[in-house]
Protein backbone atom coordinates (compact mmCIF):
# COMPACT_ATOMS: atom_id res chain seq x y z
CA MET A 1 118.50 111.49 155.91
CA ASP A 2 119.84 112.70 152.58
CA ARG A 3 121.23 109.23 151.86
CA LEU A 4 117.73 107.78 152.15
CA LEU A 5 116.41 110.45 149.78
CA PHE A 6 119.11 109.74 147.20
CA GLN A 7 118.43 106.01 147.26
CA SER A 8 114.65 106.41 147.04
CA LEU A 9 114.99 108.87 144.18
CA ALA A 10 117.32 106.51 142.26
CA ALA A 11 114.86 103.63 142.76
CA ALA A 12 111.92 105.78 141.63
CA LYS A 13 113.78 106.83 138.46
CA THR A 14 114.62 103.20 137.69
CA GLN A 15 111.03 102.07 138.11
CA SER A 16 109.77 104.99 136.02
CA THR A 17 112.06 103.96 133.15
CA ILE A 18 110.91 100.33 133.33
CA ARG A 19 107.26 101.42 133.41
CA ALA A 20 107.84 103.42 130.21
CA GLN A 21 109.42 100.35 128.59
CA LEU A 22 106.49 98.11 129.59
CA THR A 23 104.02 100.69 128.27
CA ASN A 24 105.86 100.67 124.94
CA ASP A 25 105.70 96.85 124.88
CA LEU A 26 101.96 96.88 125.47
CA ALA A 27 101.45 99.45 122.72
CA ASN A 28 103.22 97.18 120.20
CA THR A 29 101.58 93.82 120.89
CA SER A 30 100.09 93.88 117.39
CA THR A 31 103.13 95.30 115.54
CA PRO A 32 104.64 92.74 113.14
CA GLY A 33 108.08 91.56 114.25
CA PHE A 34 108.14 93.69 117.42
CA LYS A 35 110.54 92.41 120.09
CA LYS A 36 110.31 93.17 123.77
CA SER A 37 113.43 94.21 125.60
CA PHE A 38 114.84 93.80 129.05
CA ASP A 39 116.88 96.15 131.20
CA HIS A 40 120.38 95.43 132.39
CA VAL A 41 120.69 97.71 135.39
CA LEU A 42 124.10 98.86 136.61
CA LEU A 43 124.23 100.73 139.90
CA ARG A 44 127.21 102.96 140.55
CA SER A 45 127.98 105.76 143.01
CA VAL A 46 128.70 109.34 141.97
CA LYS A 47 130.14 111.91 144.35
CA VAL A 48 127.78 114.78 145.05
CA THR A 49 129.56 118.10 144.56
CA ALA A 50 127.94 121.17 146.04
CA ASP A 51 128.86 124.40 147.84
CA TYR A 52 127.13 123.21 150.99
CA GLY A 53 126.65 120.04 153.01
CA TYR A 54 129.04 117.16 153.49
CA GLN A 55 131.59 116.60 150.74
CA SER A 56 131.64 112.87 151.45
CA ARG A 57 128.14 112.25 150.10
CA TYR A 58 127.67 109.83 147.20
CA GLN A 59 124.49 109.37 145.17
CA PRO A 60 123.55 106.03 143.57
CA VAL A 61 123.10 106.42 139.81
CA VAL A 62 121.39 103.74 137.73
CA GLN A 63 122.56 103.04 134.18
CA HIS A 64 120.21 101.14 131.85
CA THR A 65 121.01 98.98 128.85
CA ASN A 66 117.86 98.22 126.91
CA GLU A 67 118.74 94.89 125.29
CA ILE A 68 116.53 93.22 122.68
CA ASP A 69 114.95 89.84 123.41
CA LEU A 70 114.93 88.03 120.04
CA LYS A 71 112.70 85.23 121.25
CA PRO A 72 110.52 84.36 118.21
CA GLY A 73 106.93 85.48 118.11
CA PRO A 74 103.95 83.64 116.57
CA GLN A 75 104.17 83.21 112.80
CA MET A 76 101.17 83.92 110.58
CA GLU A 77 101.03 82.58 107.04
CA THR A 78 99.83 85.24 104.59
CA GLY A 79 100.90 83.86 101.20
CA ARG A 80 102.01 87.35 100.17
CA LEU A 81 105.36 87.28 98.35
CA LEU A 82 106.60 90.46 100.04
CA ASP A 83 105.93 89.21 103.56
CA ILE A 84 109.04 87.71 105.16
CA ALA A 85 109.72 86.25 108.58
CA MET A 86 113.29 86.23 109.86
CA GLN A 87 114.42 82.90 111.27
CA ASN A 88 116.51 82.25 114.41
CA LYS A 89 118.21 85.56 115.34
CA THR A 90 118.31 87.04 111.86
CA VAL A 91 117.67 90.80 111.61
CA LEU A 92 117.02 93.00 108.57
CA GLY A 93 119.00 96.15 107.84
CA VAL A 94 117.12 99.38 107.10
CA ILE A 95 118.12 102.95 106.37
CA THR A 96 116.94 105.51 108.92
CA GLU A 97 115.76 109.05 108.21
CA ASN A 98 119.25 110.40 108.96
CA ASP A 99 120.88 107.84 106.63
CA GLN A 100 122.13 105.49 109.34
CA ILE A 101 122.03 101.71 109.18
CA ALA A 102 119.83 100.11 111.83
CA PHE A 103 118.05 96.78 112.11
CA THR A 104 114.54 95.44 112.58
CA ARG A 105 112.50 92.24 112.55
CA ARG A 106 109.56 93.80 110.76
CA GLY A 107 108.95 91.90 107.52
CA ASP A 108 105.83 93.37 105.93
CA LEU A 109 107.61 94.82 102.88
CA GLN A 110 106.09 97.00 100.21
CA ILE A 111 107.15 98.86 97.07
CA ALA A 112 106.92 102.66 96.99
CA GLY A 113 105.80 104.65 93.96
CA ASP A 114 109.41 105.24 92.89
CA GLY A 115 110.21 101.52 93.13
CA THR A 116 112.05 101.66 96.47
CA LEU A 117 111.57 98.63 98.71
CA LEU A 118 110.19 99.72 102.09
CA THR A 119 109.21 98.18 105.39
CA GLY A 120 105.66 98.44 106.65
CA ASP A 121 106.53 101.60 108.63
CA GLY A 122 108.03 103.36 105.60
CA LEU A 123 111.76 102.78 106.09
CA GLU A 124 113.99 101.96 103.13
CA VAL A 125 115.23 98.38 103.13
CA ALA A 126 119.02 98.27 102.99
CA GLY A 127 120.85 96.12 100.49
CA GLU A 128 124.44 94.93 100.79
CA GLY A 129 126.65 98.01 101.01
CA GLY A 130 123.91 100.00 102.75
CA VAL A 131 122.21 101.20 99.56
CA PRO A 132 118.43 101.08 99.02
CA ILE A 133 116.93 98.34 96.87
CA VAL A 134 115.04 99.81 93.88
CA VAL A 135 112.67 97.75 91.74
CA LEU A 136 112.35 98.58 88.04
CA PRO A 137 108.86 99.47 86.73
CA GLN A 138 106.71 96.76 85.17
CA THR A 139 108.58 93.95 86.95
CA VAL A 140 107.49 91.28 89.41
CA ILE A 141 109.86 90.62 92.28
CA SER A 142 110.38 87.58 94.46
CA ILE A 143 112.65 87.04 97.46
CA ALA A 144 114.70 83.91 98.07
CA LYS A 145 115.35 82.39 101.48
CA ASP A 146 118.87 83.83 101.56
CA GLY A 147 117.53 87.34 100.93
CA THR A 148 118.24 87.59 97.19
CA VAL A 149 115.73 89.90 95.49
CA ASN A 150 114.86 88.65 92.00
CA ALA A 151 112.89 90.39 89.26
CA SER A 152 111.03 89.05 86.24
CA THR A 153 108.74 90.57 83.63
CA PRO A 154 105.05 89.65 83.29
CA GLU A 155 105.62 89.04 79.58
CA GLU A 156 108.08 86.25 80.34
CA PRO A 157 106.75 84.54 83.48
CA GLU A 158 108.63 81.33 82.74
CA GLY A 159 111.94 83.08 82.15
CA ASP A 160 114.79 82.99 84.64
CA PRO A 161 114.46 85.79 87.24
CA VAL A 162 117.26 88.31 87.36
CA PRO A 163 118.86 89.19 90.74
CA ILE A 164 118.57 92.92 91.40
CA GLY A 165 119.69 93.12 95.03
CA GLN A 166 120.46 91.35 98.28
CA LEU A 167 118.74 92.11 101.56
CA MET A 168 121.07 93.10 104.37
CA LEU A 169 120.43 90.10 106.62
CA ARG A 170 122.62 89.59 109.67
CA ASP A 171 122.79 86.79 112.21
CA SER A 172 122.90 88.41 115.64
CA SER A 173 123.40 85.22 117.68
CA GLU A 174 126.79 86.50 118.90
CA GLN A 175 125.90 90.19 119.01
CA ILE A 176 123.99 92.06 121.72
CA LEU A 177 121.43 94.39 120.18
CA VAL A 178 119.98 97.40 122.00
CA ARG A 179 116.96 99.54 121.20
CA ARG A 180 117.45 102.97 119.73
CA VAL A 181 115.23 105.98 120.45
CA ASP A 182 113.45 105.36 117.12
CA GLY A 183 112.59 101.78 118.13
CA LEU A 184 115.08 100.11 115.78
CA TYR A 185 118.03 97.96 116.84
CA GLU A 186 121.76 98.57 116.77
CA ALA A 187 124.83 96.80 118.09
CA LYS A 188 125.64 97.50 121.74
CA GLY A 189 128.18 100.28 121.99
CA SER A 190 127.04 102.13 118.85
CA ASN A 191 125.69 104.96 121.02
CA GLY A 192 122.87 105.86 118.64
CA ASN A 193 125.08 106.02 115.55
CA GLY A 194 123.87 102.72 114.08
CA GLY A 195 126.02 100.88 111.56
CA ASP A 196 126.57 97.35 110.34
CA PHE A 197 128.04 94.59 112.50
CA GLU A 198 129.84 91.31 111.86
CA ASN A 199 127.64 88.45 110.76
CA GLY A 200 127.29 85.52 113.16
CA PRO A 201 127.99 81.82 112.45
CA VAL A 202 124.35 80.84 111.88
CA PRO A 203 123.15 81.30 108.27
CA ALA A 204 120.81 84.28 107.98
CA GLU A 205 117.54 83.00 106.51
CA ILE A 206 114.00 84.18 105.97
CA GLN A 207 110.68 82.49 105.33
CA ILE A 208 108.55 83.81 102.46
CA GLY A 209 104.82 84.45 102.70
CA VAL A 210 104.89 84.50 106.51
CA LEU A 211 104.76 87.33 109.03
CA GLU A 212 106.13 87.14 112.55
CA GLY A 213 104.02 88.66 115.30
CA SER A 214 105.14 90.40 118.45
CA ASN A 215 106.73 88.30 121.20
CA VAL A 216 105.12 90.44 123.92
CA SER A 217 102.66 88.69 126.26
CA PRO A 218 99.99 91.30 127.09
CA ILE A 219 99.06 89.57 130.37
CA GLU A 220 102.65 89.31 131.55
CA ALA A 221 103.40 92.93 130.59
CA MET A 222 100.26 94.19 132.36
CA VAL A 223 101.08 92.31 135.58
CA ARG A 224 104.64 93.68 135.58
CA LEU A 225 103.34 97.18 134.88
CA ILE A 226 100.99 97.04 137.89
CA ASP A 227 103.80 95.70 140.07
CA PHE A 228 106.24 98.46 139.10
CA SER A 229 103.52 101.12 139.49
CA ARG A 230 103.02 100.02 143.09
CA SER A 231 106.77 100.01 143.72
CA PHE A 232 107.08 103.52 142.25
CA GLU A 233 104.28 104.74 144.50
CA ALA A 234 106.00 103.20 147.53
CA GLN A 235 109.27 105.03 146.75
CA VAL A 236 107.42 108.35 146.38
CA ASN A 237 105.72 107.77 149.74
CA ILE A 238 109.14 107.17 151.34
CA ILE A 239 110.36 110.50 150.01
CA LYS A 240 107.25 112.25 151.40
CA GLU A 241 107.65 110.57 154.80
CA THR A 242 111.32 111.57 154.91
CA LYS A 243 110.33 115.17 154.21
CA ASP A 244 107.75 115.10 157.04
CA ASN A 245 110.28 113.59 159.46
CA ASP A 246 112.82 116.26 158.55
CA GLN A 247 110.29 119.00 159.18
CA SER A 248 109.34 117.46 162.50
CA GLY A 249 112.99 117.29 163.55
CA ALA A 250 113.51 120.93 162.59
CA THR A 251 110.48 121.93 164.68
CA MET A 252 111.91 120.16 167.76
CA MET A 253 115.17 122.11 167.46
CA ARG A 254 113.48 125.49 167.58
CA LEU A 255 113.89 127.57 170.72
CA SER A 256 110.69 128.13 172.63
């Protein structure tokens, strides 16, 4: 009886996690550069230790790995010089609030009041070496396809632009990326600590004046969400039926 309860509880927890992931995907269907993820589920058995019951009981425990699906989303041409779309499996390095290096595909860049280059959600864009890219006042910047940030003055529009930084662009074609709790990406095995990773063999490139949309299909995500909601409800019903059967068996064992 307890084995059935353990298995149903493990299945319900798994489906609850997947439902939360699908809900997050649906909420970000309009977020630039958002990437859906998929769960790699590993089922292992853990011995149940208690002061009562059988010591030979094992409970199935599900471990999740939330891996990023870098399938490209629809590209929208904006003509804005600070809008970039990462090509292939290129990702952009950003600096988190706790000064860690993480990665994103969001390319709607902007310049803060102090000249710091930011993403659309307010994170500092990382340059090579993990330092922020700062734009000098009264300058016009442009970004090359290889991520070089150039600056020029309005007084000399025909002059040669001066490189002031290099975007931290990484090819992740040979690297598994997982989602962090803040929604950004990091290399698998970083355990929430972020950090840079080795660049892949494909040249990291971006397209200027273009924004990449989310690769989430709202219809597909909604259908999967309904399916997992029904499965979750079925597992909860199994737990309730097991409880009722256990109570019925206890009633039969009572002395009249």
